[in-house]
Amino acid sequence: MSHHSSALGKTPSGNRRLKDLLQQRDNRTCADCGAPDPKWASANIGVFICLKCCGVHRSLGVHISKVLSVTLDSWSDAEIDAMIEVGGNASANSIYEAYIPQGISKPRPDASQEHRSNFIRSKYELQDFLKPSLRISSSNSSSLKSSLSRKIMDNVPSNKGMVEFIGVLKITVIRGKNLAVRDMLSSDPYVVLTLGQQKAQTTVRNSNLNPIWNEELMLSVPQNYGPVKLQVFDHDTFSADDIMGEAEIYIMPLITSAMAFGDAGILENMQIGKWLKSHDNALLEDSIVNIIDGKVIQEVKLKLQNVESGEMDLRIEWTPLDQ
């Protein structure tokens, strides 16, 4: 273990990013037993854990869980990036605790060492609580999370030709708020969504800085997907359209949560995941992934980037290709 008095091997920005992530609500308690104020983390799984659970994680081996102290150990930027990519305890638990069988109870902070150890081993080493089709052989990878992501992607069929697709996003562009002025007194905004080589566009709303669209745009999601890029433009008749702001929509929490829970049509309404607000994204507030009436739905509120003002409200619905 590396003990340093300054920045602990992290850049100042990296140190702030890790502390910001730790301060998010779901990361203020241990991912495995719920103990308050966890000061340890599994860097490759992407969860914050308490000292007691930390001991069990260390016994699993670094090929399953690489344990680091939030305050004492040296973190690389890649390790911090990996933690942020997972999104925190709620996002990770939506996958690793997707199906806890009846008769199995999650340990409490005062649980016995045997109960704690058995649960953590079942959760991460044996993967007993994952959807069965997502279980992987962790001994072949240094990163359980990245292996899980590959397993999800590798096991979804495709029927779209050369480009392999795993599902469809229906993105409802609901409204814009306080958009930037690009003409004399107003703007003529429209929205463009981009995913890979695909683009989808709303209609133009003339002379309106608070436009209401309520328009549905469809994008197919390829196996190797990245974020959806949102751009707002001001339509001009005689010159190039002016940019009115942009934002990235990180869709991994939505898709991985949906795949972990399986067929939403047979499940009751519930929260299954979350995309957490941070200084590294455009969210105005945490974005919750819910099952509502058999559909996987996410409400997203974004602050437009690289512009003086503007917000966007969206609703995203995910449908896998096998439905």
C-alpha atoms as a PDB file:
ATOM      1  CA  MET A   1       0.000   0.000   0.000  1.00  0.00           C
ATOM      2  CA  SER A   2       1.335   3.420  -0.940  1.00  0.00           C
ATOM      3  CA  HIS A   3       1.015   6.131   1.705  1.00  0.00           C
ATOM      4  CA  HIS A   4       1.646   9.706   0.577  1.00  0.00           C
ATOM      5  CA  SER A   5       0.912  13.017   2.194  1.00  0.00           C
ATOM      6  CA  SER A   6      -0.110  14.842  -0.969  1.00  0.00           C
ATOM      7  CA  ALA A   7      -2.668  13.957  -3.671  1.00  0.00           C
ATOM      8  CA  LEU A   8      -1.799  10.298  -3.058  1.00  0.00           C
ATOM      9  CA  GLY A   9      -0.614   9.644  -6.598  1.00  0.00           C
ATOM     10  CA  LYS A  10      -3.718  11.244  -8.086  1.00  0.00           C
ATOM     11  CA  THR A  11      -3.690  14.481 -10.031  1.00  0.00           C
ATOM     12  CA  PRO A  12      -5.573  17.296  -8.252  1.00  0.00           C
ATOM     13  CA  SER A  13      -8.428  16.948 -10.742  1.00  0.00           C
ATOM     14  CA  GLY A  14      -8.431  13.159 -10.326  1.00  0.00           C
ATOM     15  CA  ASN A  15      -8.506  13.531  -6.540  1.00  0.00           C
ATOM     16  CA  ARG A  16     -11.518  15.844  -6.796  1.00  0.00           C
ATOM     17  CA  ARG A  17     -13.302  13.489  -9.194  1.00  0.00           C
ATOM     18  CA  LEU A  18     -12.916  10.562  -6.818  1.00  0.00           C
ATOM     19  CA  LYS A  19     -14.082  12.590  -3.824  1.00  0.00           C
ATOM     20  CA  ASP A  20     -17.072  13.886  -5.799  1.00  0.00           C
ATOM     21  CA  LEU A  21     -18.024  10.338  -6.699  1.00  0.00           C
ATOM     22  CA  LEU A  22     -17.710   9.227  -3.081  1.00  0.00           C
ATOM     23  CA  GLN A  23     -20.028  12.053  -1.963  1.00  0.00           C
ATOM     24  CA  GLN A  24     -22.880  10.909  -4.180  1.00  0.00           C
ATOM     25  CA  ARG A  25     -25.758   9.587  -2.124  1.00  0.00           C
ATOM     26  CA  ASP A  26     -25.562   5.895  -3.044  1.00  0.00           C
ATOM     27  CA  ASN A  27     -21.804   5.853  -2.400  1.00  0.00           C
ATOM     28  CA  ARG A  28     -22.129   7.093   1.185  1.00  0.00           C
ATOM     29  CA  THR A  29     -22.857   3.569   2.395  1.00  0.00           C
ATOM     30  CA  CYS A  30     -21.032   0.307   1.725  1.00  0.00           C
ATOM     31  CA  ALA A  31     -22.203  -1.452  -1.445  1.00  0.00           C
ATOM     32  CA  ASP A  32     -22.194  -4.836   0.288  1.00  0.00           C
ATOM     33  CA  CYS A  33     -23.451  -4.293   3.846  1.00  0.00           C
ATOM     34  CA  GLY A  34     -24.734  -0.703   4.019  1.00  0.00           C
ATOM     35  CA  ALA A  35     -22.248   0.527   6.635  1.00  0.00           C
ATOM     36  CA  PRO A  36     -21.952   4.329   6.550  1.00  0.00           C
ATOM     37  CA  ASP A  37     -18.972   6.331   5.298  1.00  0.00           C
ATOM     38  CA  PRO A  38     -17.024   3.704   3.290  1.00  0.00           C
ATOM     39  CA  LYS A  39     -13.349   4.585   2.839  1.00  0.00           C
ATOM     40  CA  TRP A  40     -12.327   1.702   0.582  1.00  0.00           C
ATOM     41  CA  ALA A  41     -13.158   0.788  -2.987  1.00  0.00           C
ATOM     42  CA  SER A  42     -12.903  -2.064  -5.456  1.00  0.00           C
ATOM     43  CA  ALA A  43     -11.385  -0.175  -8.349  1.00  0.00           C
ATOM     44  CA  ASN A  44     -12.145  -2.742 -11.035  1.00  0.00           C
ATOM     45  CA  ILE A  45     -15.669  -3.617  -9.878  1.00  0.00           C
ATOM     46  CA  GLY A  46     -16.500   0.041  -9.232  1.00  0.00           C
ATOM     47  CA  VAL A  47     -17.961  -0.004  -5.709  1.00  0.00           C
ATOM     48  CA  PHE A  48     -17.190   1.751  -2.430  1.00  0.00           C
ATOM     49  CA  ILE A  49     -16.960  -0.590   0.568  1.00  0.00           C
ATOM     50  CA  CYS A  50     -16.334  -0.505   4.309  1.00  0.00           C
ATOM     51  CA  LEU A  51     -13.286  -1.852   6.156  1.00  0.00           C
ATOM     52  CA  LYS A  52     -14.967  -5.139   7.139  1.00  0.00           C
ATOM     53  CA  CYS A  53     -16.096  -5.896   3.577  1.00  0.00           C
ATOM     54  CA  CYS A  54     -12.706  -4.737   2.315  1.00  0.00           C
ATOM     55  CA  GLY A  55     -11.098  -7.701   4.081  1.00  0.00           C
ATOM     56  CA  VAL A  56     -13.331 -10.146   2.239  1.00  0.00           C
ATOM     57  CA  HIS A  57     -12.665  -8.433  -1.084  1.00  0.00           C
ATOM     58  CA  ARG A  58      -8.915  -8.766  -0.536  1.00  0.00           C
ATOM     59  CA  SER A  59      -9.343 -12.500   0.019  1.00  0.00           C
ATOM     60  CA  LEU A  60     -10.990 -12.837  -3.412  1.00  0.00           C
ATOM     61  CA  GLY A  61      -7.754 -11.896  -5.155  1.00  0.00           C
ATOM     62  CA  VAL A  62      -6.971  -8.939  -7.415  1.00  0.00           C
ATOM     63  CA  HIS A  63      -8.203 -10.847 -10.490  1.00  0.00           C
ATOM     64  CA  ILE A  64     -11.699 -10.402  -9.022  1.00  0.00           C
ATOM     65  CA  SER A  65     -11.455  -7.312  -6.803  1.00  0.00           C
ATOM     66  CA  LYS A  66      -8.627  -4.781  -6.684  1.00  0.00           C
ATOM     67  CA  VAL A  67      -9.030  -3.004  -3.340  1.00  0.00           C
ATOM     68  CA  LEU A  68      -7.726   0.527  -2.788  1.00  0.00           C
ATOM     69  CA  SER A  69      -8.094   3.024   0.044  1.00  0.00           C
ATOM     70  CA  VAL A  70      -9.876   6.196  -0.983  1.00  0.00           C
ATOM     71  CA  THR A  71      -7.607   8.305   1.237  1.00  0.00           C
ATOM     72  CA  LEU A  72      -4.330   6.386   1.572  1.00  0.00           C
ATOM     73  CA  ASP A  73      -3.580   4.549  -1.666  1.00  0.00           C
ATOM     74  CA  SER A  74      -2.257   5.801  -4.978  1.00  0.00           C
ATOM     75  CA  TRP A  75      -4.874   5.798  -7.754  1.00  0.00           C
ATOM     76  CA  SER A  76      -4.177   6.041 -11.475  1.00  0.00           C
ATOM     77  CA  ASP A  77      -6.353   8.197 -13.709  1.00  0.00           C
ATOM     78  CA  ALA A  78      -7.486   4.988 -15.453  1.00  0.00           C
ATOM     79  CA  GLU A  79      -8.697   3.531 -12.148  1.00  0.00           C
ATOM     80  CA  ILE A  80     -10.614   6.707 -11.345  1.00  0.00           C
ATOM     81  CA  ASP A  81     -12.079   6.714 -14.870  1.00  0.00           C
ATOM     82  CA  ALA A  82     -13.205   3.113 -14.373  1.00  0.00           C
ATOM     83  CA  MET A  83     -14.972   3.972 -11.103  1.00  0.00           C
ATOM     84  CA  ILE A  84     -16.759   6.903 -12.731  1.00  0.00           C
ATOM     85  CA  GLU A  85     -17.708   4.786 -15.750  1.00  0.00           C
ATOM     86  CA  VAL A  86     -19.489   2.257 -13.526  1.00  0.00           C
ATOM     87  CA  GLY A  87     -21.386   5.099 -11.880  1.00  0.00           C
ATOM     88  CA  GLY A  88     -21.209   4.034  -8.249  1.00  0.00           C
ATOM     89  CA  ASN A  89     -22.763   1.535  -5.875  1.00  0.00           C
ATOM     90  CA  ALA A  90     -26.358   1.747  -7.130  1.00  0.00           C
ATOM     91  CA  SER A  91     -25.351   1.171 -10.736  1.00  0.00           C
ATOM     92  CA  ALA A  92     -23.050  -1.731  -9.870  1.00  0.00           C
ATOM     93  CA  ASN A  93     -25.594  -3.340  -7.548  1.00  0.00           C
ATOM     94  CA  SER A  94     -28.273  -3.140 -10.248  1.00  0.00           C
ATOM     95  CA  ILE A  95     -26.137  -5.724 -12.043  1.00  0.00           C
ATOM     96  CA  TYR A  96     -24.429  -7.747  -9.310  1.00  0.00           C
ATOM     97  CA  GLU A  97     -27.555  -7.980  -7.121  1.00  0.00           C
ATOM     98  CA  ALA A  98     -30.114  -8.293  -9.920  1.00  0.00           C
ATOM     99  CA  TYR A  99     -31.496 -11.623  -8.687  1.00  0.00           C
ATOM    100  CA  ILE A 100     -30.963 -12.370  -4.997  1.00  0.00           C
ATOM    101  CA  PRO A 101     -32.816 -15.648  -4.349  1.00  0.00           C
ATOM    102  CA  GLN A 102     -35.341 -16.062  -1.579  1.00  0.00           C
ATOM    103  CA  GLY A 103     -33.654 -17.162   1.595  1.00  0.00           C
ATOM    104  CA  ILE A 104     -30.490 -15.152   0.893  1.00  0.00           C
ATOM    105  CA  SER A 105     -30.223 -11.923   2.895  1.00  0.00           C
ATOM    106  CA  LYS A 106     -27.830  -9.082   2.289  1.00  0.00           C
ATOM    107  CA  PRO A 107     -25.557  -8.552   5.318  1.00  0.00           C
ATOM    108  CA  ARG A 108     -26.063  -5.577   7.604  1.00  0.00           C
ATOM    109  CA  PRO A 109     -23.167  -3.538   9.043  1.00  0.00           C
ATOM    110  CA  ASP A 110     -23.138  -5.749  12.175  1.00  0.00           C
ATOM    111  CA  ALA A 111     -23.299  -9.047  10.255  1.00  0.00           C
ATOM    112  CA  SER A 112     -21.097 -11.972  11.226  1.00  0.00           C
ATOM    113  CA  GLN A 113     -17.909 -12.494   9.283  1.00  0.00           C
ATOM    114  CA  GLU A 114     -19.275 -15.761   7.902  1.00  0.00           C
ATOM    115  CA  HIS A 115     -22.458 -14.127   6.593  1.00  0.00           C
ATOM    116  CA  ARG A 116     -20.488 -11.221   5.117  1.00  0.00           C
ATOM    117  CA  SER A 117     -17.931 -13.497   3.445  1.00  0.00           C
ATOM    118  CA  ASN A 118     -20.511 -15.889   2.008  1.00  0.00           C
ATOM    119  CA  PHE A 119     -22.575 -13.078   0.519  1.00  0.00           C
ATOM    120  CA  ILE A 120     -19.630 -11.228  -1.053  1.00  0.00           C
ATOM    121  CA  ARG A 121     -18.192 -14.411  -2.539  1.00  0.00           C
ATOM    122  CA  SER A 122     -21.584 -15.332  -3.970  1.00  0.00           C
ATOM    123  CA  LYS A 123     -22.020 -11.823  -5.351  1.00  0.00           C
ATOM    124  CA  TYR A 124     -18.679 -11.318  -7.091  1.00  0.00           C
ATOM    125  CA  GLU A 125     -16.777 -14.615  -7.281  1.00  0.00           C
ATOM    126  CA  LEU A 126     -19.621 -17.034  -7.999  1.00  0.00           C
ATOM    127  CA  GLN A 127     -21.880 -14.383  -9.613  1.00  0.00           C
ATOM    128  CA  ASP A 128     -24.918 -16.103  -8.149  1.00  0.00           C
ATOM    129  CA  PHE A 129     -27.065 -12.959  -8.258  1.00  0.00           C
ATOM    130  CA  LEU A 130     -26.501 -12.035 -11.887  1.00  0.00           C
ATOM    131  CA  LYS A 131     -28.925 -12.869 -14.651  1.00  0.00           C
ATOM    132  CA  PRO A 132     -27.685 -16.383 -15.594  1.00  0.00           C
ATOM    133  CA  SER A 133     -26.830 -15.449 -19.184  1.00  0.00           C
ATOM    134  CA  LEU A 134     -24.455 -12.729 -17.943  1.00  0.00           C
ATOM    135  CA  ARG A 135     -22.309 -14.942 -15.704  1.00  0.00           C
ATOM    136  CA  ILE A 136     -18.663 -15.061 -16.724  1.00  0.00           C
ATOM    137  CA  SER A 137     -15.436 -16.769 -15.798  1.00  0.00           C
ATOM    138  CA  SER A 138     -13.720 -14.060 -13.781  1.00  0.00           C
ATOM    139  CA  SER A 139     -10.430 -15.970 -13.557  1.00  0.00           C
ATOM    140  CA  ASN A 140      -9.674 -15.017 -17.149  1.00  0.00           C
ATOM    141  CA  SER A 141      -9.814 -11.260 -16.628  1.00  0.00           C
ATOM    142  CA  SER A 142      -8.316  -8.580 -14.438  1.00  0.00           C
ATOM    143  CA  SER A 143     -11.505  -6.561 -14.645  1.00  0.00           C
ATOM    144  CA  LEU A 144     -14.792  -8.184 -13.732  1.00  0.00           C
ATOM    145  CA  LYS A 145     -16.712  -5.115 -14.851  1.00  0.00           C
ATOM    146  CA  SER A 146     -15.165  -4.967 -18.313  1.00  0.00           C
ATOM    147  CA  SER A 147     -15.619  -8.720 -18.695  1.00  0.00           C
ATOM    148  CA  LEU A 148     -19.264  -8.389 -17.725  1.00  0.00           C
ATOM    149  CA  SER A 149     -19.755  -5.639 -20.299  1.00  0.00           C
ATOM    150  CA  ARG A 150     -18.163  -7.794 -23.000  1.00  0.00           C
ATOM    151  CA  LYS A 151     -20.325 -10.755 -21.964  1.00  0.00           C
ATOM    152  CA  ILE A 152     -23.452  -8.632 -22.308  1.00  0.00           C
ATOM    153  CA  MET A 153     -22.404  -7.418 -25.737  1.00  0.00           C
ATOM    154  CA  ASP A 154     -21.187 -10.811 -26.978  1.00  0.00           C
ATOM    155  CA  ASN A 155     -24.384 -12.677 -26.170  1.00  0.00           C
ATOM    156  CA  VAL A 156     -26.998 -10.464 -27.799  1.00  0.00           C
ATOM    157  CA  PRO A 157     -27.904 -11.585 -31.332  1.00  0.00           C
ATOM    158  CA  SER A 158     -27.884  -9.270 -34.314  1.00  0.00           C
ATOM    159  CA  ASN A 159     -29.832  -9.305 -37.558  1.00  0.00           C
ATOM    160  CA  LYS A 160     -28.814  -5.972 -39.067  1.00  0.00           C
ATOM    161  CA  GLY A 161     -26.126  -7.032 -41.551  1.00  0.00           C
ATOM    162  CA  MET A 162     -22.569  -5.750 -41.327  1.00  0.00           C
ATOM    163  CA  VAL A 163     -23.199  -3.517 -38.314  1.00  0.00           C
ATOM    164  CA  GLU A 164     -24.262  -5.537 -35.279  1.00  0.00           C
ATOM    165  CA  PHE A 165     -27.067  -3.949 -33.265  1.00  0.00           C
ATOM    166  CA  ILE A 166     -28.314  -4.903 -29.812  1.00  0.00           C
ATOM    167  CA  GLY A 167     -31.423  -2.770 -29.434  1.00  0.00           C
ATOM    168  CA  VAL A 168     -33.280   0.445 -30.139  1.00  0.00           C
ATOM    169  CA  LEU A 169     -33.520   3.749 -28.291  1.00  0.00           C
ATOM    170  CA  LYS A 170     -36.693   5.784 -28.594  1.00  0.00           C
ATOM    171  CA  ILE A 171     -35.692   9.249 -27.448  1.00  0.00           C
ATOM    172  CA  THR A 172     -38.502  11.719 -26.879  1.00  0.00           C
ATOM    173  CA  VAL A 173     -37.203  15.268 -27.149  1.00  0.00           C
ATOM    174  CA  ILE A 174     -39.642  16.930 -24.762  1.00  0.00           C
ATOM    175  CA  ARG A 175     -38.617  20.559 -24.465  1.00  0.00           C
ATOM    176  CA  GLY A 176     -35.854  23.127 -24.344  1.00  0.00           C
ATOM    177  CA  LYS A 177     -35.541  25.830 -21.709  1.00  0.00           C
ATOM    178  CA  ASN A 178     -33.846  29.229 -21.784  1.00  0.00           C
ATOM    179  CA  LEU A 179     -32.034  28.485 -25.045  1.00  0.00           C
ATOM    180  CA  ALA A 180     -29.411  30.863 -26.392  1.00  0.00           C
ATOM    181  CA  VAL A 181     -30.244  33.784 -28.668  1.00  0.00           C
ATOM    182  CA  ARG A 182     -28.688  33.420 -32.128  1.00  0.00           C
ATOM    183  CA  ASP A 183     -30.850  35.801 -34.202  1.00  0.00           C
ATOM    184  CA  MET A 184     -31.799  39.387 -33.394  1.00  0.00           C
ATOM    185  CA  LEU A 185     -34.016  38.600 -30.401  1.00  0.00           C
ATOM    186  CA  SER A 186     -34.654  34.866 -30.530  1.00  0.00           C
ATOM    187  CA  SER A 187     -33.657  31.632 -32.293  1.00  0.00           C
ATOM    188  CA  ASP A 188     -35.188  28.954 -34.495  1.00  0.00           C
ATOM    189  CA  PRO A 189     -33.982  25.813 -32.715  1.00  0.00           C
ATOM    190  CA  TYR A 190     -33.932  22.166 -33.728  1.00  0.00           C
ATOM    191  CA  VAL A 191     -32.234  19.149 -32.138  1.00  0.00           C
ATOM    192  CA  VAL A 192     -29.895  16.609 -33.754  1.00  0.00           C
ATOM    193  CA  LEU A 193     -29.083  13.279 -32.081  1.00  0.00           C
ATOM    194  CA  THR A 194     -26.059  11.278 -33.257  1.00  0.00           C
ATOM    195  CA  LEU A 195     -25.049   7.697 -32.397  1.00  0.00           C
ATOM    196  CA  GLY A 196     -22.247   6.209 -34.480  1.00  0.00           C
ATOM    197  CA  GLN A 197     -23.115   6.884 -38.118  1.00  0.00           C
ATOM    198  CA  GLN A 198     -26.792   7.554 -37.385  1.00  0.00           C
ATOM    199  CA  LYS A 199     -28.454  10.941 -37.094  1.00  0.00           C
ATOM    200  CA  ALA A 200     -32.005  11.872 -36.145  1.00  0.00           C
ATOM    201  CA  GLN A 201     -33.453  15.381 -36.153  1.00  0.00           C
ATOM    202  CA  THR A 202     -36.479  17.211 -34.776  1.00  0.00           C
ATOM    203  CA  THR A 203     -38.485  19.827 -36.613  1.00  0.00           C
ATOM    204  CA  VAL A 204     -37.602  23.517 -36.319  1.00  0.00           C
ATOM    205  CA  ARG A 205     -39.421  25.664 -33.748  1.00  0.00           C
ATOM    206  CA  ASN A 206     -39.460  29.214 -35.077  1.00  0.00           C
ATOM    207  CA  SER A 207     -38.677  32.168 -32.788  1.00  0.00           C
ATOM    208  CA  ASN A 208     -38.804  30.187 -29.561  1.00  0.00           C
ATOM    209  CA  LEU A 209     -36.270  30.038 -26.730  1.00  0.00           C
ATOM    210  CA  ASN A 210     -38.463  27.656 -24.700  1.00  0.00           C
ATOM    211  CA  PRO A 211     -39.639  25.258 -27.403  1.00  0.00           C
ATOM    212  CA  ILE A 212     -41.836  22.222 -26.795  1.00  0.00           C
ATOM    213  CA  TRP A 213     -41.233  19.381 -29.235  1.00  0.00           C
ATOM    214  CA  ASN A 214     -42.553  16.121 -27.729  1.00  0.00           C
ATOM    215  CA  GLU A 215     -41.072  14.398 -30.779  1.00  0.00           C
ATOM    216  CA  GLU A 216     -39.888  10.778 -30.792  1.00  0.00           C
ATOM    217  CA  LEU A 217     -36.564  10.001 -32.500  1.00  0.00           C
ATOM    218  CA  MET A 218     -35.290   6.449 -33.033  1.00  0.00           C
ATOM    219  CA  LEU A 219     -31.676   5.246 -32.937  1.00  0.00           C
ATOM    220  CA  SER A 220     -30.397   1.669 -33.287  1.00  0.00           C
ATOM    221  CA  VAL A 221     -27.695   0.813 -30.739  1.00  0.00           C
ATOM    222  CA  PRO A 222     -24.631  -1.035 -32.095  1.00  0.00           C
ATOM    223  CA  GLN A 223     -22.653  -3.565 -30.059  1.00  0.00           C
ATOM    224  CA  ASN A 224     -19.747  -1.143 -29.615  1.00  0.00           C
ATOM    225  CA  TYR A 225     -21.810   1.864 -28.642  1.00  0.00           C
ATOM    226  CA  GLY A 226     -20.678   5.144 -27.143  1.00  0.00           C
ATOM    227  CA  PRO A 227     -22.678   8.088 -25.834  1.00  0.00           C
ATOM    228  CA  VAL A 228     -25.457   9.701 -27.808  1.00  0.00           C
ATOM    229  CA  LYS A 229     -24.425  13.198 -28.878  1.00  0.00           C
ATOM    230  CA  LEU A 230     -27.110  15.865 -28.634  1.00  0.00           C
ATOM    231  CA  GLN A 231     -26.721  19.169 -30.467  1.00  0.00           C
ATOM    232  CA  VAL A 232     -29.088  22.119 -30.712  1.00  0.00           C
ATOM    233  CA  PHE A 233     -28.878  24.353 -33.791  1.00  0.00           C
ATOM    234  CA  ASP A 234     -30.455  27.630 -34.882  1.00  0.00           C
ATOM    235  CA  HIS A 235     -31.934  27.267 -38.371  1.00  0.00           C
ATOM    236  CA  ASP A 236     -30.813  29.967 -40.799  1.00  0.00           C
ATOM    237  CA  THR A 237     -32.182  30.354 -44.323  1.00  0.00           C
ATOM    238  CA  PHE A 238     -29.267  32.182 -45.945  1.00  0.00           C
ATOM    239  CA  SER A 239     -26.255  31.056 -43.900  1.00  0.00           C
ATOM    240  CA  ALA A 240     -24.922  28.042 -42.033  1.00  0.00           C
ATOM    241  CA  ASP A 241     -26.944  26.998 -38.990  1.00  0.00           C
ATOM    242  CA  ASP A 242     -25.461  28.228 -35.693  1.00  0.00           C
ATOM    243  CA  ILE A 243     -24.740  25.841 -32.815  1.00  0.00           C
ATOM    244  CA  MET A 244     -26.780  26.521 -29.676  1.00  0.00           C
ATOM    245  CA  GLY A 245     -25.135  24.031 -27.342  1.00  0.00           C
ATOM    246  CA  GLU A 246     -24.456  20.323 -27.038  1.00  0.00           C
ATOM    247  CA  ALA A 247     -24.346  17.475 -24.525  1.00  0.00           C
ATOM    248  CA  GLU A 248     -23.493  13.787 -24.322  1.00  0.00           C
ATOM    249  CA  ILE A 249     -26.046  11.211 -23.150  1.00  0.00           C
ATOM    250  CA  TYR A 250     -24.277   8.295 -21.460  1.00  0.00           C
ATOM    251  CA  ILE A 251     -26.489   5.273 -22.205  1.00  0.00           C
ATOM    252  CA  MET A 252     -24.529   2.466 -20.503  1.00  0.00           C
ATOM    253  CA  PRO A 253     -26.401   2.673 -17.138  1.00  0.00           C
ATOM    254  CA  LEU A 254     -29.709   2.325 -19.011  1.00  0.00           C
ATOM    255  CA  ILE A 255     -28.649  -0.615 -21.177  1.00  0.00           C
ATOM    256  CA  THR A 256     -26.677  -2.611 -18.608  1.00  0.00           C
ATOM    257  CA  SER A 257     -29.442  -2.234 -16.003  1.00  0.00           C
ATOM    258  CA  ALA A 258     -32.092  -3.332 -18.501  1.00  0.00           C
ATOM    259  CA  MET A 259     -30.080  -6.359 -19.590  1.00  0.00           C
ATOM    260  CA  ALA A 260     -29.328  -7.365 -16.008  1.00  0.00           C
ATOM    261  CA  PHE A 261     -33.017  -7.410 -15.106  1.00  0.00           C
ATOM    262  CA  GLY A 262     -34.151  -9.216 -18.245  1.00  0.00           C
ATOM    263  CA  ASP A 263     -37.684  -9.057 -19.629  1.00  0.00           C
ATOM    264  CA  ALA A 264     -39.199  -5.826 -18.299  1.00  0.00           C
ATOM    265  CA  GLY A 265     -42.637  -6.940 -19.447  1.00  0.00           C
ATOM    266  CA  ILE A 266     -42.941  -9.458 -16.621  1.00  0.00           C
ATOM    267  CA  LEU A 267     -41.623  -7.190 -13.844  1.00  0.00           C
ATOM    268  CA  GLU A 268     -43.432  -4.754 -11.581  1.00  0.00           C
ATOM    269  CA  ASN A 269     -42.737  -1.034 -11.706  1.00  0.00           C
ATOM    270  CA  MET A 270     -39.398  -0.395 -10.006  1.00  0.00           C
ATOM    271  CA  GLN A 271     -36.132   1.528 -10.135  1.00  0.00           C
ATOM    272  CA  ILE A 272     -33.373  -0.576 -11.702  1.00  0.00           C
ATOM    273  CA  GLY A 273     -30.504   1.850 -12.294  1.00  0.00           C
ATOM    274  CA  LYS A 274     -29.188   5.384 -12.220  1.00  0.00           C
ATOM    275  CA  TRP A 275     -26.929   7.736 -14.189  1.00  0.00           C
ATOM    276  CA  LEU A 276     -25.419   9.997 -11.557  1.00  0.00           C
ATOM    277  CA  LYS A 277     -24.869  13.733 -11.875  1.00  0.00           C
ATOM    278  CA  SER A 278     -21.213  14.785 -11.702  1.00  0.00           C
ATOM    279  CA  HIS A 279     -19.021  17.647 -12.840  1.00  0.00           C
ATOM    280  CA  ASP A 280     -17.906  15.440 -15.745  1.00  0.00           C
ATOM    281  CA  ASN A 281     -21.328  15.194 -17.364  1.00  0.00           C
ATOM    282  CA  ALA A 282     -24.173  17.450 -18.439  1.00  0.00           C
ATOM    283  CA  LEU A 283     -26.817  16.179 -16.019  1.00  0.00           C
ATOM    284  CA  LEU A 284     -28.789  18.702 -14.000  1.00  0.00           C
ATOM    285  CA  GLU A 285     -29.817  15.958 -11.550  1.00  0.00           C
ATOM    286  CA  ASP A 286     -29.433  12.194 -11.124  1.00  0.00           C
ATOM    287  CA  SER A 287     -31.168  10.368 -13.966  1.00  0.00           C
ATOM    288  CA  ILE A 288     -33.159   7.339 -12.801  1.00  0.00           C
ATOM    289  CA  VAL A 289     -33.762   4.196 -14.869  1.00  0.00           C
ATOM    290  CA  ASN A 290     -37.206   2.730 -14.133  1.00  0.00           C
ATOM    291  CA  ILE A 291     -39.404  -0.093 -15.297  1.00  0.00           C
ATOM    292  CA  ILE A 292     -42.803   1.507 -15.935  1.00  0.00           C
ATOM    293  CA  ASP A 293     -45.690  -0.560 -17.290  1.00  0.00           C
ATOM    294  CA  GLY A 294     -43.304  -3.145 -18.696  1.00  0.00           C
ATOM    295  CA  LYS A 295     -41.030  -0.605 -20.380  1.00  0.00           C
ATOM    296  CA  VAL A 296     -37.501   0.520 -19.464  1.00  0.00           C
ATOM    297  CA  ILE A 297     -37.676   4.314 -19.192  1.00  0.00           C
ATOM    298  CA  GLN A 298     -35.138   6.984 -18.246  1.00  0.00           C
ATOM    299  CA  GLU A 299     -35.906  10.671 -17.681  1.00  0.00           C
ATOM    300  CA  VAL A 300     -32.966  12.955 -18.483  1.00  0.00           C
ATOM    301  CA  LYS A 301     -32.486  16.653 -17.750  1.00  0.00           C
ATOM    302  CA  LEU A 302     -29.389  18.184 -19.370  1.00  0.00           C
ATOM    303  CA  LYS A 303     -27.582  21.501 -19.158  1.00  0.00           C
ATOM    304  CA  LEU A 304     -26.269  22.333 -22.615  1.00  0.00           C
ATOM    305  CA  GLN A 305     -22.490  22.644 -22.811  1.00  0.00           C
ATOM    306  CA  ASN A 306     -20.260  25.193 -24.583  1.00  0.00           C
ATOM    307  CA  VAL A 307     -23.009  27.809 -24.660  1.00  0.00           C
ATOM    308  CA  GLU A 308     -24.157  30.672 -22.461  1.00  0.00           C
ATOM    309  CA  SER A 309     -27.500  29.098 -21.495  1.00  0.00           C
ATOM    310  CA  GLY A 310     -29.931  26.311 -22.242  1.00  0.00           C
ATOM    311  CA  GLU A 311     -31.432  23.104 -20.854  1.00  0.00           C
ATOM    312  CA  MET A 312     -33.062  20.047 -22.444  1.00  0.00           C
ATOM    313  CA  ASP A 313     -35.620  17.557 -21.108  1.00  0.00           C
ATOM    314  CA  LEU A 314     -35.670  14.073 -22.656  1.00  0.00           C
ATOM    315  CA  ARG A 315     -37.270  10.697 -22.113  1.00  0.00           C
ATOM    316  CA  ILE A 316     -35.457   7.557 -23.284  1.00  0.00           C
ATOM    317  CA  GLU A 317     -37.009   4.128 -23.797  1.00  0.00           C
ATOM    318  CA  TRP A 318     -34.872   1.042 -24.400  1.00  0.00           C
ATOM    319  CA  THR A 319     -36.013  -2.008 -26.376  1.00  0.00           C
ATOM    320  CA  PRO A 320     -33.615  -4.950 -26.942  1.00  0.00           C
ATOM    321  CA  LEU A 321     -33.716  -6.612 -30.355  1.00  0.00           C
ATOM    322  CA  ASP A 322     -35.054  -9.871 -28.923  1.00  0.00           C
ATOM    323  CA  GLN A 323     -38.345  -8.220 -27.901  1.00  0.00           C
END
